[in-house]
């Protein structure tokens, strides 16, 4: 191995530790129109000082179901300067809005561990029409969630407000489909032409590196 190549590889490996990306990806820069488009106007982050990653998704989306285990594993390895959050979208559909309420109810109760994966599986593997209030309440109880507590959360002002805020964010970020990932309120990562979900997340990594570099200037 030539010295220059060896040094480049060491730098790439160092970047891997910082950003959780492969050596090959670390040597690439994010390209507008290929990896991302700008979000105009840029949106404020909820966590100051952190690079905020937002995944827009719905339990009703089969692609989100496929993506969920992959992005969850990826998110667990993000560096300390990056924060990951999920926003359920409805796109104006009453059924998907109820699924957004399901997500925020589970989050409020600390029961995402019981309901998150199970909701995807119920809809896309078992064919459960998990869209109306009664079916959702029954589903939550079947997963071992206290029925009274779930009903209180599901109908609460706090959950309703979060669903409304999620719809506002979907519009502000100009989300066109799911799953979609936004970086730092500035960039929407493109999925066109990807070779798979790992390729998509490699694009996200490159855009994170771009956002990090801009913060250091």
Protein backbone atom coordinates (compact mmCIF):
# COMPACT_ATOMS: atom_id res chain seq x y z
CA UNK A 1 0.00 0.00 0.00
CA UNK A 2 1.43 3.39 -0.97
CA UNK A 3 1.99 5.92 1.81
CA UNK A 4 -0.55 8.43 0.40
CA UNK A 5 -3.18 5.73 0.08
CA UNK A 6 -2.39 4.46 3.56
CA UNK A 7 -2.78 7.95 5.06
CA UNK A 8 -6.07 8.47 3.20
CA UNK A 9 -7.35 5.17 4.54
CA UNK A 10 -6.42 6.13 8.09
CA UNK A 11 -8.32 9.41 7.71
CA UNK A 12 -11.30 7.56 6.34
CA UNK A 13 -11.26 5.09 9.22
CA UNK A 14 -11.10 8.02 11.67
CA UNK A 15 -14.19 9.49 10.07
CA UNK A 16 -15.92 6.15 10.46
CA UNK A 17 -15.53 6.42 14.23
CA UNK A 18 -16.88 9.97 14.19
CA UNK A 19 -19.81 9.56 11.86
CA UNK A 20 -20.57 5.84 11.67
CA UNK A 21 -19.90 5.53 7.92
CA UNK A 22 -17.71 3.20 5.90
CA UNK A 23 -14.21 4.20 4.65
CA UNK A 24 -15.46 4.37 1.06
CA UNK A 25 -18.38 6.59 2.00
CA UNK A 26 -16.20 8.81 4.18
CA UNK A 27 -14.18 9.88 1.14
CA UNK A 28 -17.30 11.06 -0.71
CA UNK A 29 -19.00 14.42 -0.37
CA UNK A 30 -22.74 14.97 -0.46
CA UNK A 31 -23.91 16.23 -3.84
CA UNK A 32 -26.96 18.45 -4.30
CA UNK A 33 -29.51 16.90 -6.62
CA UNK A 34 -28.08 13.42 -6.11
CA UNK A 35 -27.96 13.02 -2.34
CA UNK A 36 -30.22 15.83 -1.16
CA UNK A 37 -32.33 18.86 -1.92
CA UNK A 38 -32.44 21.96 0.25
CA UNK A 39 -35.44 22.56 2.48
CA UNK A 40 -36.62 26.13 1.94
CA UNK A 41 -37.10 27.78 4.26
CA UNK A 42 -34.86 25.83 6.64
CA UNK A 43 -36.68 24.50 9.69
CA UNK A 44 -35.60 24.99 13.33
CA UNK A 45 -34.37 21.97 15.28
CA UNK A 46 -35.90 20.93 18.59
CA UNK A 47 -32.52 20.15 20.17
CA UNK A 48 -30.09 23.11 19.99
CA UNK A 49 -26.47 22.19 19.38
CA UNK A 50 -27.29 18.83 17.79
CA UNK A 51 -27.59 17.76 14.17
CA UNK A 52 -31.23 16.68 14.06
CA UNK A 53 -32.26 13.74 11.89
CA UNK A 54 -35.99 13.41 11.28
CA UNK A 55 -37.54 10.28 9.82
CA UNK A 56 -41.01 10.87 8.40
CA UNK A 57 -42.91 7.57 8.38
CA UNK A 58 -46.25 5.85 8.85
CA UNK A 59 -47.17 2.45 10.20
CA UNK A 60 -49.41 2.20 7.13
CA UNK A 61 -46.43 2.42 4.74
CA UNK A 62 -45.00 -0.93 3.60
CA UNK A 63 -41.68 0.71 2.71
CA UNK A 64 -41.47 2.16 6.23
CA UNK A 65 -42.06 -1.32 7.60
CA UNK A 66 -39.14 -2.68 5.56
CA UNK A 67 -36.95 0.29 6.50
CA UNK A 68 -37.71 0.29 10.23
CA UNK A 69 -35.35 -2.45 11.48
CA UNK A 70 -32.54 -1.09 9.30
CA UNK A 71 -32.86 2.55 10.30
CA UNK A 72 -33.33 1.59 13.96
CA UNK A 73 -30.03 -0.28 13.98
CA UNK A 74 -28.35 2.62 12.18
CA UNK A 75 -29.74 5.20 14.61
CA UNK A 76 -28.32 3.33 17.60
CA UNK A 77 -24.79 3.95 16.27
CA UNK A 78 -25.08 7.67 15.58
CA UNK A 79 -22.37 9.87 17.12
CA UNK A 80 -22.99 12.12 20.11
CA UNK A 81 -23.54 15.29 18.06
CA UNK A 82 -26.50 13.76 16.20
CA UNK A 83 -30.04 13.26 17.50
CA UNK A 84 -32.65 11.06 15.78
CA UNK A 85 -36.40 11.59 15.96
CA UNK A 86 -39.40 10.12 14.17
CA UNK A 87 -42.44 11.96 12.91
CA UNK A 88 -45.55 10.02 11.82
CA UNK A 89 -47.30 11.49 8.79
CA UNK A 90 -50.94 11.35 7.76
CA UNK A 91 -50.96 13.11 4.37
CA UNK A 92 -54.53 14.10 5.23
CA UNK A 93 -55.74 10.50 5.53
CA UNK A 94 -57.97 9.84 8.53
CA UNK A 95 -56.68 6.27 8.87
CA UNK A 96 -53.04 7.34 8.92
CA UNK A 97 -53.89 10.12 11.36
CA UNK A 98 -55.15 7.46 13.76
CA UNK A 99 -51.86 5.62 13.30
CA UNK A 100 -50.08 8.84 14.23
CA UNK A 101 -52.17 8.91 17.40
CA UNK A 102 -51.14 5.31 18.05
CA UNK A 103 -47.47 6.26 17.78
CA UNK A 104 -47.69 9.27 20.07
CA UNK A 105 -49.84 7.39 22.59
CA UNK A 106 -47.24 4.62 22.75
CA UNK A 107 -44.49 7.22 23.10
CA UNK A 108 -46.33 9.06 25.88
CA UNK A 109 -46.82 5.83 27.83
CA UNK A 110 -43.28 4.59 27.26
CA UNK A 111 -44.71 1.60 25.42
CA UNK A 112 -43.05 1.88 22.02
CA UNK A 113 -41.15 -1.29 22.85
CA UNK A 114 -44.44 -3.20 22.88
CA UNK A 115 -46.32 -1.40 20.11
CA UNK A 116 -43.84 -0.10 17.54
CA UNK A 117 -42.69 -3.27 15.79
CA UNK A 118 -46.02 -4.93 16.53
CA UNK A 119 -47.94 -2.22 14.65
CA UNK A 120 -45.88 -2.73 11.49
CA UNK A 121 -46.26 -6.50 11.78
CA UNK A 122 -50.01 -6.35 12.40
CA UNK A 123 -50.69 -4.28 9.29
CA UNK A 124 -48.17 -5.67 6.82
CA UNK A 125 -47.73 -9.27 7.91
CA UNK A 126 -51.00 -10.21 9.58
CA UNK A 127 -53.33 -8.07 7.46
CA UNK A 128 -54.95 -6.34 10.44
CA UNK A 129 -56.87 -3.22 9.41
CA UNK A 130 -55.37 -1.14 12.20
CA UNK A 131 -57.09 2.11 11.35
CA UNK A 132 -60.14 2.82 13.51
CA UNK A 133 -60.10 3.76 17.19
CA UNK A 134 -61.65 0.50 18.40
CA UNK A 135 -59.27 -1.77 16.52
CA UNK A 136 -56.28 0.27 17.67
CA UNK A 137 -57.40 0.10 21.31
CA UNK A 138 -57.92 -3.66 21.03
CA UNK A 139 -54.49 -4.07 19.42
CA UNK A 140 -52.79 -2.13 22.21
CA UNK A 141 -54.48 -4.29 24.86
CA UNK A 142 -53.40 -7.45 23.05
CA UNK A 143 -49.80 -6.27 23.29
CA UNK A 144 -50.07 -5.97 27.07
CA UNK A 145 -50.68 -2.22 27.34
CA UNK A 146 -53.08 -1.09 30.05
CA UNK A 147 -56.36 -0.37 28.23
CA UNK A 148 -57.42 2.52 30.48
CA UNK A 149 -54.06 4.27 30.26
CA UNK A 150 -53.92 3.81 26.51
CA UNK A 151 -57.43 5.21 26.03
CA UNK A 152 -56.57 8.24 28.16
CA UNK A 153 -53.38 8.90 26.18
CA UNK A 154 -55.04 8.27 22.80
CA UNK A 155 -57.75 10.83 23.48
CA UNK A 156 -55.54 13.33 25.28
CA UNK A 157 -54.91 16.92 24.26
CA UNK A 158 -51.18 16.25 24.35
CA UNK A 159 -51.37 13.48 21.75
CA UNK A 160 -53.77 15.50 19.60
CA UNK A 161 -51.34 18.43 19.70
CA UNK A 162 -48.41 16.25 18.67
CA UNK A 163 -50.36 14.82 15.74
CA UNK A 164 -51.23 18.34 14.62
CA UNK A 165 -47.60 19.37 14.96
CA UNK A 166 -46.53 16.33 12.93
CA UNK A 167 -48.88 17.36 10.12
CA UNK A 168 -47.46 20.89 10.23
CA UNK A 169 -43.91 19.54 10.02
CA UNK A 170 -44.83 17.29 7.11
CA UNK A 171 -46.02 20.35 5.21
CA UNK A 172 -43.14 22.61 6.28
CA UNK A 173 -40.54 20.02 5.25
CA UNK A 174 -42.44 19.43 1.99
CA UNK A 175 -42.46 15.67 2.50
CA UNK A 176 -43.48 13.91 -0.71
CA UNK A 177 -43.41 10.27 0.41
CA UNK A 178 -42.41 7.86 3.15
CA UNK A 179 -40.00 7.00 4.49
CA UNK A 180 -38.16 10.30 4.13
CA UNK A 181 -35.22 11.62 6.14
CA UNK A 182 -34.38 15.27 6.75
CA UNK A 183 -31.03 16.45 8.10
CA UNK A 184 -30.59 19.48 10.37
CA UNK A 185 -33.77 21.11 9.10
CA UNK A 186 -31.90 22.05 5.93
CA UNK A 187 -31.69 19.02 3.67
CA UNK A 188 -34.10 16.34 2.51
CA UNK A 189 -32.23 13.19 1.54
CA UNK A 190 -33.19 11.85 -1.89
CA UNK A 191 -34.11 8.21 -2.42
CA UNK A 192 -34.13 8.18 -6.22
CA UNK A 193 -31.67 5.74 -7.73
CA UNK A 194 -30.69 4.01 -4.50
CA UNK A 195 -29.53 0.39 -4.58
CA UNK A 196 -31.25 -0.42 -1.28
CA UNK A 197 -31.82 0.97 2.19
CA UNK A 198 -28.14 0.75 3.11
CA UNK A 199 -27.38 2.93 0.09
CA UNK A 200 -30.01 5.41 1.24
CA UNK A 201 -28.48 5.60 4.71
CA UNK A 202 -25.05 6.11 3.14
CA UNK A 203 -26.53 9.21 1.53
CA UNK A 204 -27.86 10.30 4.91
CA UNK A 205 -24.37 9.85 6.37
CA UNK A 206 -22.88 12.05 3.67
CA UNK A 207 -25.44 14.77 4.31
CA UNK A 208 -24.78 14.56 8.06
CA UNK A 209 -21.08 15.08 7.32
CA UNK A 210 -21.99 18.12 5.22
CA UNK A 211 -24.13 19.59 8.01
CA UNK A 212 -21.38 18.93 10.55
CA UNK A 213 -18.81 20.69 8.38
CA UNK A 214 -21.07 23.73 8.01
CA UNK A 215 -21.51 23.99 11.77
CA UNK A 216 -17.75 24.08 12.26
CA UNK A 217 -17.22 27.03 9.93
